[in-house]
């Protein structure tokens, strides 16, 4: 059987595909920022917080790391309204992506903090820095420089995993592909195009983060 390829019908959906790309990148950007904040804050509390705080953070990390992302998404979007929390599809997608990335970021940053010699922290205190100043100026920059490749990899995983937010009608790139396929029935063509787009986005994003790391952590990465 010979298959006749036909990409011509996709031209009328370029705007929808571009919108999907923008939604995917927008969600990834905001979730990355918020997830990084959670990761750094949570790792700091695990490092210097009391036992109750460390227990809560550890429970959060284990819960997220050992459950599927799509289940977390469905719990937020379908479950929270049952408790009276009204949330739309974009808010649910962003919250799920942030919570998911934050949990992994906590463990990644914590590993980076533990990799920094304890003596450097003690030396910082010895020269008059407060505990907060020592953490912010001595420990954290080195920790982030060490684990940045792992953080960047996790950001890419979250971006690619965001394809499932189309299941709650977020108009991302995968939603666009599903919609187009349901109209023209050219499944091979549209999913091939979307696959290539995701590949390009991942490669470009990885290179941007690598370049950013060189600027931020020049002389600090091992």
Protein backbone atom coordinates (compact mmCIF):
# COMPACT_ATOMS: atom_id res chain seq x y z
CA UNK A 1 0.00 0.00 0.00
CA UNK A 2 1.33 3.43 -0.96
CA UNK A 3 0.70 6.37 1.34
CA UNK A 4 0.27 9.80 -0.29
CA UNK A 5 1.81 12.49 1.89
CA UNK A 6 -0.05 15.79 1.94
CA UNK A 7 1.08 18.70 4.11
CA UNK A 8 -0.71 21.40 2.12
CA UNK A 9 -3.79 21.42 4.33
CA UNK A 10 -1.71 22.37 7.37
CA UNK A 11 -1.06 25.87 6.05
CA UNK A 12 -4.44 27.13 7.20
CA UNK A 13 -3.62 26.05 10.76
CA UNK A 14 -0.26 27.83 11.07
CA UNK A 15 -1.77 30.44 13.38
CA UNK A 16 -3.18 27.77 15.68
CA UNK A 17 0.14 25.94 15.79
CA UNK A 18 1.96 29.20 16.59
CA UNK A 19 -0.53 29.88 19.38
CA UNK A 20 0.09 26.38 20.74
CA UNK A 21 3.85 26.97 20.73
CA UNK A 22 3.36 30.24 22.62
CA UNK A 23 1.18 28.56 25.26
CA UNK A 24 3.66 25.70 25.71
CA UNK A 25 6.63 28.05 26.07
CA UNK A 26 4.70 30.45 28.28
CA UNK A 27 3.65 27.73 30.69
CA UNK A 28 7.20 26.35 30.73
CA UNK A 29 8.75 29.76 31.42
CA UNK A 30 6.46 30.64 34.33
CA UNK A 31 6.61 27.12 35.80
CA UNK A 32 10.42 27.21 35.55
CA UNK A 33 10.65 30.47 37.49
CA UNK A 34 8.17 29.43 40.18
CA UNK A 35 9.57 25.90 40.35
CA UNK A 36 13.09 27.27 40.81
CA UNK A 37 11.88 29.46 43.67
CA UNK A 38 10.26 26.43 45.32
CA UNK A 39 13.37 24.35 44.68
CA UNK A 40 15.79 26.85 46.21
CA UNK A 41 13.50 27.69 49.13
CA UNK A 42 12.69 24.06 49.86
CA UNK A 43 16.32 22.97 49.64
CA UNK A 44 17.35 25.79 51.98
CA UNK A 45 14.73 24.74 54.52
CA UNK A 46 15.84 21.12 54.25
CA UNK A 47 19.39 22.25 54.88
CA UNK A 48 18.74 24.51 57.87
CA UNK A 49 15.07 24.06 58.79
CA UNK A 50 13.69 22.23 61.80
CA UNK A 51 12.69 18.59 61.71
CA UNK A 52 8.93 19.25 61.23
CA UNK A 53 9.64 21.48 58.23
CA UNK A 54 12.06 18.95 56.74
CA UNK A 55 9.47 16.20 57.20
CA UNK A 56 6.79 18.18 55.38
CA UNK A 57 9.13 19.01 52.49
CA UNK A 58 10.31 15.40 52.24
CA UNK A 59 6.69 14.20 52.14
CA UNK A 60 5.88 16.68 49.36
CA UNK A 61 8.89 15.58 47.33
CA UNK A 62 8.10 11.89 47.73
CA UNK A 63 4.44 12.42 46.83
CA UNK A 64 5.23 14.25 43.60
CA UNK A 65 8.16 12.07 42.55
CA UNK A 66 6.17 8.85 42.99
CA UNK A 67 2.92 9.78 41.25
CA UNK A 68 2.28 10.38 37.52
CA UNK A 69 2.17 13.97 36.34
CA UNK A 70 -1.15 13.44 34.59
CA UNK A 71 -2.70 12.23 37.86
CA UNK A 72 -1.41 15.34 39.62
CA UNK A 73 -2.92 17.45 36.83
CA UNK A 74 -6.29 15.71 37.03
CA UNK A 75 -6.32 15.96 40.82
CA UNK A 76 -5.80 19.72 40.62
CA UNK A 77 -8.24 20.35 37.77
CA UNK A 78 -11.00 17.89 38.65
CA UNK A 79 -10.39 17.29 42.35
CA UNK A 80 -9.93 20.77 43.81
CA UNK A 81 -13.31 22.07 42.56
CA UNK A 82 -14.88 19.33 44.68
CA UNK A 83 -13.41 21.12 47.71
CA UNK A 84 -14.78 24.46 46.52
CA UNK A 85 -11.55 25.67 44.88
CA UNK A 86 -12.45 27.06 41.46
CA UNK A 87 -9.62 26.91 38.97
CA UNK A 88 -9.53 27.16 35.17
CA UNK A 89 -7.55 24.95 32.83
CA UNK A 90 -4.58 27.34 32.42
CA UNK A 91 -4.25 27.85 36.15
CA UNK A 92 -4.47 24.10 36.75
CA UNK A 93 -1.80 23.39 34.14
CA UNK A 94 0.53 26.03 35.54
CA UNK A 95 0.00 24.89 39.12
CA UNK A 96 0.60 21.24 38.23
CA UNK A 97 3.75 22.01 36.26
CA UNK A 98 5.09 24.26 39.01
CA UNK A 99 4.43 21.78 41.79
CA UNK A 100 5.96 18.97 39.76
CA UNK A 101 9.11 20.89 38.82
CA UNK A 102 9.44 22.32 42.32
CA UNK A 103 9.61 18.88 43.92
CA UNK A 104 12.36 17.69 41.62
CA UNK A 105 14.19 21.01 41.91
CA UNK A 106 14.28 20.69 45.71
CA UNK A 107 16.12 17.39 45.47
CA UNK A 108 18.46 18.63 42.76
CA UNK A 109 19.39 21.83 44.61
CA UNK A 110 19.71 19.95 47.91
CA UNK A 111 22.25 17.64 46.27
CA UNK A 112 24.16 20.68 45.04
CA UNK A 113 24.20 22.24 48.51
CA UNK A 114 25.49 19.02 50.06
CA UNK A 115 28.25 18.91 47.44
CA UNK A 116 29.68 22.22 48.70
CA UNK A 117 32.33 21.78 51.36
CA UNK A 118 31.04 22.52 54.84
CA UNK A 119 34.30 24.31 55.53
CA UNK A 120 33.36 27.08 53.10
CA UNK A 121 30.21 27.80 55.09
CA UNK A 122 32.17 27.88 58.33
CA UNK A 123 34.78 30.15 56.76
CA UNK A 124 32.06 32.54 55.61
CA UNK A 125 30.71 32.74 59.15
CA UNK A 126 34.23 33.25 60.47
CA UNK A 127 34.74 36.38 58.37
CA UNK A 128 31.56 37.94 59.72
CA UNK A 129 28.83 36.91 57.30
CA UNK A 130 25.44 35.99 58.71
CA UNK A 131 24.02 32.54 58.04
CA UNK A 132 21.71 34.00 55.39
CA UNK A 133 24.52 35.92 53.71
CA UNK A 134 26.78 32.87 53.74
CA UNK A 135 24.09 30.75 52.14
CA UNK A 136 23.16 33.34 49.52
CA UNK A 137 26.68 34.45 48.58
CA UNK A 138 28.82 31.35 49.14
CA UNK A 139 26.82 28.13 49.23
CA UNK A 140 23.95 28.74 46.80
CA UNK A 141 25.96 30.03 43.79
CA UNK A 142 28.28 27.03 43.91
CA UNK A 143 25.39 24.61 44.41
CA UNK A 144 23.46 26.01 41.45
CA UNK A 145 26.54 25.96 39.25
CA UNK A 146 27.08 22.29 40.07
CA UNK A 147 23.51 21.14 39.49
CA UNK A 148 22.45 23.50 36.70
CA UNK A 149 22.71 20.81 33.99
CA UNK A 150 20.37 18.59 36.01
CA UNK A 151 17.95 21.48 36.55
CA UNK A 152 18.02 22.31 32.85
CA UNK A 153 17.27 18.68 32.01
CA UNK A 154 14.33 18.71 34.40
CA UNK A 155 12.96 21.87 32.78
CA UNK A 156 13.06 20.12 29.41
CA UNK A 157 11.25 17.11 30.88
CA UNK A 158 8.53 19.38 32.24
CA UNK A 159 8.18 21.18 28.91
CA UNK A 160 7.81 17.91 27.01
CA UNK A 161 5.55 16.48 29.70
CA UNK A 162 3.32 19.54 29.40
CA UNK A 163 1.81 17.88 26.32
CA UNK A 164 -0.69 16.17 28.64
CA UNK A 165 -2.27 19.50 29.63
CA UNK A 166 -4.17 19.25 26.35
CA UNK A 167 -6.27 16.63 28.17
CA UNK A 168 -7.90 19.41 30.18
CA UNK A 169 -8.38 21.60 27.07
CA UNK A 170 -5.36 23.85 27.45
CA UNK A 171 -4.71 25.09 23.91
CA UNK A 172 -1.05 24.10 23.82
CA UNK A 173 0.87 22.56 20.95
CA UNK A 174 -0.52 19.06 21.44
CA UNK A 175 -4.06 20.42 21.66
CA UNK A 176 -3.51 22.09 18.31
CA UNK A 177 -2.29 18.82 16.81
CA UNK A 178 -5.30 16.91 18.13
CA UNK A 179 -7.69 19.56 16.85
CA UNK A 180 -6.14 19.68 13.38
CA UNK A 181 -6.09 15.89 13.10
CA UNK A 182 -9.77 15.75 14.00
CA UNK A 183 -10.53 18.11 11.11
CA UNK A 184 -8.36 16.88 8.25
CA UNK A 185 -7.64 13.29 9.38
CA UNK A 186 -3.99 13.64 8.28
CA UNK A 187 -2.66 12.07 11.48
CA UNK A 188 0.80 11.17 10.19
CA UNK A 189 1.49 14.59 8.76
CA UNK A 190 0.34 16.69 11.70
CA UNK A 191 1.96 14.55 14.39
CA UNK A 192 5.18 14.45 12.39
CA UNK A 193 5.19 18.24 12.25
CA UNK A 194 4.41 18.55 15.97
CA UNK A 195 7.14 16.04 16.82
CA UNK A 196 9.68 18.09 14.86
CA UNK A 197 8.50 21.28 16.56
CA UNK A 198 8.92 19.75 20.03
CA UNK A 199 12.38 18.53 19.01
CA UNK A 200 13.41 22.00 17.83
CA UNK A 201 12.00 23.65 20.96
CA UNK A 202 13.89 21.24 23.19
CA UNK A 203 17.18 21.75 21.35
CA UNK A 204 16.85 25.54 21.31
CA UNK A 205 15.83 25.68 24.97
CA UNK A 206 18.76 23.46 25.97
CA UNK A 207 21.21 25.67 24.12
CA UNK A 208 19.74 28.83 25.63
CA UNK A 209 20.04 27.41 29.13
CA UNK A 210 23.60 26.27 28.43
CA UNK A 211 24.52 29.77 27.27
CA UNK A 212 22.79 31.29 30.30
CA UNK A 213 24.74 28.96 32.60
CA UNK A 214 28.03 30.09 31.06
CA UNK A 215 27.13 33.69 31.80
CA UNK A 216 25.78 33.13 35.31
CA UNK A 217 28.28 30.62 36.59
CA UNK A 218 31.49 31.52 34.79
CA UNK A 219 34.35 30.10 36.82
CA UNK A 220 32.06 28.26 39.23
CA UNK A 221 31.06 25.13 37.29
CA UNK A 222 33.15 22.03 37.86
